[in-house]
Amino acid sequence: MLALTRKIGERIVIGDEIVITVVDVKGDNIRLAIDAPKDVKIYRGELYDAIAAENKQAATTLQREDLGLLKQFRK
């Protein structure tokens, strides 16, 4: 992991197409502006974790349902 110190107005550039700019700092909160291509998905960390957990649960549930369907074919 790379940790950087930035001030308001300073940027972080990722690759050739993603630029993150520090817009504001208030107490413990930092406001960022992200300029990236439209095909790049950008999520808040907590939302990304929730989506990943939901996808994992859906895959597990689907596998159980698939096994149930397979058992019906054996009868």
Foldseek 3Di string as FASTA:
>chain_A
DDDDDDDAQDWDDDPPFWIKGFHDDDPPDTDIDITGDPVDDDDDPVVVVVVVVVVVVVVVVVVVVVVVVVVVVVD
